[in-house]
């Protein structure tokens, strides 16, 4: 029996780690709720692409 993770599980874990990094007081206090979601999404994209080496 092999212990294989689903193909996207690693990306999901990386995105969660990036999301957790973004949830700092300086970000939560600075952005409005709508802007926070957008900024968080952009940060997660940046983080995932820079960690995986995708251009």
N, C-alpha and C. Protein backbone atom coordinates (compact mmCIF):
# COMPACT_ATOMS: atom_id res chain seq x y z
N UNK A 1 0.84 -1.18 0.00
CA UNK A 1 0.00 0.00 0.00
C UNK A 1 0.88 1.25 0.00
N UNK A 2 0.60 2.13 -0.90
CA UNK A 2 1.38 3.36 -1.01
C UNK A 2 0.67 4.51 -0.31
N UNK A 3 1.45 5.38 0.26
CA UNK A 3 0.92 6.59 0.88
C UNK A 3 1.11 7.75 -0.07
N UNK A 4 0.18 7.95 -0.96
CA UNK A 4 0.26 9.05 -1.92
C UNK A 4 -0.73 10.13 -1.56
N UNK A 5 -0.27 11.35 -1.66
CA UNK A 5 -1.16 12.48 -1.48
C UNK A 5 -1.80 12.80 -2.82
N UNK A 6 -3.01 13.34 -2.81
CA UNK A 6 -3.58 13.79 -4.08
C UNK A 6 -2.67 14.82 -4.74
N UNK A 7 -2.75 14.95 -6.05
CA UNK A 7 -1.85 15.83 -6.80
C UNK A 7 -1.85 17.26 -6.30
N UNK A 8 -2.99 17.78 -5.92
CA UNK A 8 -3.06 19.19 -5.53
C UNK A 8 -2.94 19.40 -4.03
N UNK A 9 -2.73 18.38 -3.24
CA UNK A 9 -2.65 18.52 -1.79
C UNK A 9 -1.45 19.38 -1.39
N UNK A 10 -0.31 19.20 -2.07
CA UNK A 10 0.87 20.01 -1.76
C UNK A 10 0.64 21.48 -2.05
N UNK A 11 -0.03 21.79 -3.14
CA UNK A 11 -0.34 23.18 -3.48
C UNK A 11 -1.30 23.76 -2.45
N UNK A 12 -2.27 22.95 -2.02
CA UNK A 12 -3.22 23.43 -1.00
C UNK A 12 -2.51 23.73 0.31
N UNK A 13 -1.58 22.88 0.71
CA UNK A 13 -0.82 23.11 1.94
C UNK A 13 0.06 24.36 1.82
N UNK A 14 0.66 24.55 0.66
CA UNK A 14 1.48 25.74 0.43
C UNK A 14 0.62 27.00 0.45
N UNK A 15 -0.55 26.95 -0.15
CA UNK A 15 -1.46 28.10 -0.15
C UNK A 15 -1.92 28.41 1.26
N UNK A 16 -2.19 27.40 2.07
CA UNK A 16 -2.60 27.62 3.45
C UNK A 16 -1.47 28.27 4.25
N UNK A 17 -0.24 27.81 4.02
CA UNK A 17 0.91 28.39 4.72
C UNK A 17 1.07 29.87 4.34
N UNK A 18 0.89 30.17 3.06
CA UNK A 18 1.00 31.56 2.60
C UNK A 18 -0.13 32.41 3.20
N UNK A 19 -1.34 31.86 3.23
CA UNK A 19 -2.48 32.57 3.80
C UNK A 19 -2.24 32.86 5.29
N UNK A 20 -1.69 31.87 6.00
CA UNK A 20 -1.38 32.06 7.42
C UNK A 20 -0.32 33.13 7.62
N UNK A 21 0.67 33.19 6.72
CA UNK A 21 1.71 34.21 6.81
C UNK A 21 1.13 35.61 6.60
N UNK A 22 0.13 35.71 5.74
CA UNK A 22 -0.45 37.02 5.42
C UNK A 22 -1.32 37.55 6.56
N UNK A 23 -1.85 36.67 7.37
CA UNK A 23 -2.77 37.08 8.44
C UNK A 23 -1.99 37.65 9.63
N UNK A 24 -1.40 38.78 9.40
CA UNK A 24 -0.68 39.50 10.45
C UNK A 24 -1.48 40.72 10.84
N UNK A 25 -1.19 41.23 12.01
CA UNK A 25 -1.94 42.38 12.51
C UNK A 25 -1.81 43.59 11.59
N UNK A 26 -0.61 43.80 11.03
CA UNK A 26 -0.46 44.97 10.17
C UNK A 26 -1.29 44.86 8.90
N UNK A 27 -1.58 43.66 8.46
CA UNK A 27 -2.44 43.48 7.28
C UNK A 27 -3.92 43.55 7.66
N UNK A 28 -4.30 42.91 8.74
CA UNK A 28 -5.71 42.90 9.13
C UNK A 28 -6.16 44.30 9.57
N UNK A 29 -5.27 45.08 10.16
CA UNK A 29 -5.64 46.43 10.59
C UNK A 29 -5.60 47.42 9.42
N UNK A 30 -4.80 47.15 8.41
CA UNK A 30 -4.61 48.11 7.33
C UNK A 30 -5.71 48.05 6.27
N UNK A 31 -6.11 46.84 5.87
CA UNK A 31 -7.04 46.67 4.76
C UNK A 31 -8.49 46.64 5.23
N UNK A 32 -9.38 47.16 4.39
CA UNK A 32 -10.81 46.97 4.61
C UNK A 32 -11.13 45.51 4.29
N UNK A 33 -12.28 44.99 4.74
CA UNK A 33 -12.59 43.57 4.49
C UNK A 33 -12.55 43.18 3.01
N UNK A 34 -13.09 44.02 2.14
CA UNK A 34 -13.07 43.70 0.71
C UNK A 34 -11.64 43.74 0.14
N UNK A 35 -10.90 44.76 0.52
CA UNK A 35 -9.53 44.89 0.04
C UNK A 35 -8.63 43.81 0.62
N UNK A 36 -8.92 43.40 1.86
CA UNK A 36 -8.12 42.35 2.50
C UNK A 36 -8.19 41.05 1.70
N UNK A 37 -9.39 40.68 1.28
CA UNK A 37 -9.56 39.45 0.52
C UNK A 37 -8.77 39.50 -0.79
N UNK A 38 -8.84 40.62 -1.47
CA UNK A 38 -8.12 40.79 -2.72
C UNK A 38 -6.61 40.77 -2.50
N UNK A 39 -6.14 41.47 -1.48
CA UNK A 39 -4.70 41.51 -1.19
C UNK A 39 -4.20 40.14 -0.76
N UNK A 40 -4.99 39.43 0.03
CA UNK A 40 -4.60 38.09 0.46
C UNK A 40 -4.48 37.15 -0.73
N UNK A 41 -5.43 37.24 -1.64
CA UNK A 41 -5.41 36.40 -2.83
C UNK A 41 -4.17 36.69 -3.68
N UNK A 42 -3.87 37.96 -3.87
CA UNK A 42 -2.68 38.32 -4.64
C UNK A 42 -1.40 37.84 -3.96
N UNK A 43 -1.35 37.94 -2.63
CA UNK A 43 -0.17 37.48 -1.90
C UNK A 43 -0.01 35.96 -2.02
N UNK A 44 -1.11 35.23 -1.92
CA UNK A 44 -1.04 33.77 -2.04
C UNK A 44 -0.57 33.38 -3.43
N UNK A 45 -1.06 34.05 -4.46
CA UNK A 45 -0.59 33.78 -5.82
C UNK A 45 0.91 34.03 -5.94
N UNK A 46 1.35 35.17 -5.43
CA UNK A 46 2.77 35.52 -5.48
C UNK A 46 3.59 34.48 -4.75
N UNK A 47 3.15 34.12 -3.56
CA UNK A 47 3.87 33.17 -2.72
C UNK A 47 3.97 31.79 -3.38
N UNK A 48 2.84 31.29 -3.89
CA UNK A 48 2.83 29.96 -4.51
C UNK A 48 3.69 29.95 -5.75
N UNK A 49 3.56 30.95 -6.60
CA UNK A 49 4.35 30.96 -7.84
C UNK A 49 5.83 31.14 -7.56
N UNK A 50 6.19 31.91 -6.57
CA UNK A 50 7.62 32.09 -6.28
C UNK A 50 8.20 30.85 -5.60
N UNK A 51 7.40 30.12 -4.80
CA UNK A 51 7.88 28.90 -4.15
C UNK A 51 8.01 27.74 -5.13
N UNK A 52 7.13 27.68 -6.12
CA UNK A 52 7.15 26.56 -7.06
C UNK A 52 8.05 26.83 -8.26
N UNK A 53 8.49 28.07 -8.44
CA UNK A 53 9.35 28.40 -9.56
C UNK A 53 8.62 28.61 -10.87
N UNK A 54 7.30 28.77 -10.81
CA UNK A 54 6.50 29.00 -12.01
C UNK A 54 6.59 30.49 -12.34
N UNK A 55 6.78 30.80 -13.62
CA UNK A 55 6.88 32.21 -14.03
C UNK A 55 5.57 32.71 -14.53
